[in-house]
Amino acid sequence: MHTMFHEKFVTNRNGKRTAVILDIKEYTKMLSLLEEARILKIVQEGEKEYHEHKLKPIRSLSELGK
């Protein structure tokens, strides 16, 4: 999947870019992609912990509050 954002920049007096203006649809799509990336990272960390035998059984989690 290839996504392209068409951004417009706000610049200061020196021509330095200080902000970006995005179409609301593009902004919403960008937020969605960031959320997907965040979820993917969490899943990958969980898989790594699983393969490293760092996960605890669910029954031991219920004992945390005791």
Protein backbone atom coordinates (compact mmCIF):
# COMPACT_ATOMS: atom_id res chain seq x y z
CA MET A 1 0.00 0.00 0.00
CA HIS A 2 1.38 3.37 -0.97
CA THR A 3 0.02 6.46 0.76
CA MET A 4 0.87 9.97 -0.30
CA PHE A 5 0.04 13.04 1.74
CA HIS A 6 -0.22 16.42 0.07
CA GLU A 7 0.95 18.84 2.70
CA LYS A 8 1.25 22.60 2.73
CA PHE A 9 3.79 24.23 4.97
CA VAL A 10 3.56 27.29 7.15
CA THR A 11 6.88 29.10 7.29
CA ASN A 12 8.32 31.82 9.49
CA ARG A 13 9.93 35.03 8.22
CA ASN A 14 13.19 33.19 7.57
CA GLY A 15 11.50 30.57 5.41
CA LYS A 16 11.84 27.84 8.06
CA ARG A 17 8.94 25.39 8.03
CA THR A 18 7.07 25.64 11.33
CA ALA A 19 3.81 23.79 10.70
CA VAL A 20 2.05 21.51 8.23
CA ILE A 21 -1.49 21.84 6.91
CA LEU A 22 -3.14 18.58 5.84
CA ASP A 23 -6.52 17.83 4.37
CA ILE A 24 -8.74 16.33 7.11
CA LYS A 25 -9.04 13.03 5.20
CA GLU A 26 -5.26 12.79 4.92
CA TYR A 27 -4.86 13.69 8.60
CA THR A 28 -7.38 11.01 9.62
CA LYS A 29 -5.60 8.44 7.44
CA MET A 30 -2.25 9.40 8.99
CA LEU A 31 -3.67 8.94 12.50
CA SER A 32 -5.03 5.54 11.48
CA LEU A 33 -1.65 4.47 10.12
CA LEU A 34 0.09 5.62 13.31
CA GLU A 35 -2.38 3.63 15.42
CA GLU A 36 -1.83 0.54 13.27
CA ALA A 37 1.94 0.94 13.70
CA ARG A 38 1.52 1.30 17.49
CA ILE A 39 -0.59 -1.86 17.67
CA LEU A 40 1.86 -3.76 15.47
CA LYS A 41 4.72 -2.76 17.79
CA ILE A 42 2.79 -4.03 20.83
CA VAL A 43 2.09 -7.35 19.09
CA GLN A 44 5.74 -7.71 18.06
CA GLU A 45 6.90 -7.01 21.63
CA GLY A 46 4.47 -9.65 22.90
CA GLU A 47 5.70 -12.21 20.38
CA LYS A 48 9.30 -11.48 21.40
CA GLU A 49 8.46 -11.94 25.09
CA TYR A 50 6.63 -15.17 24.25
CA HIS A 51 9.62 -16.59 22.39
CA GLU A 52 11.93 -15.52 25.24
CA HIS A 53 9.62 -17.29 27.76
CA LYS A 54 9.06 -14.03 29.64
CA LEU A 55 5.26 -14.26 29.77
CA LYS A 56 3.43 -15.39 32.90
CA PRO A 57 0.40 -17.66 32.87
CA ILE A 58 -2.95 -15.91 33.27
CA ARG A 59 -3.56 -17.60 36.61
CA SER A 60 -0.51 -15.85 38.07
CA LEU A 61 -1.86 -12.49 36.91
CA SER A 62 -4.96 -12.97 39.07
CA GLU A 63 -2.66 -13.24 42.08
CA LEU A 64 -1.19 -9.77 41.51
CA GLY A 65 -3.96 -8.04 43.46
CA LYS A 66 -3.51 -10.26 46.51
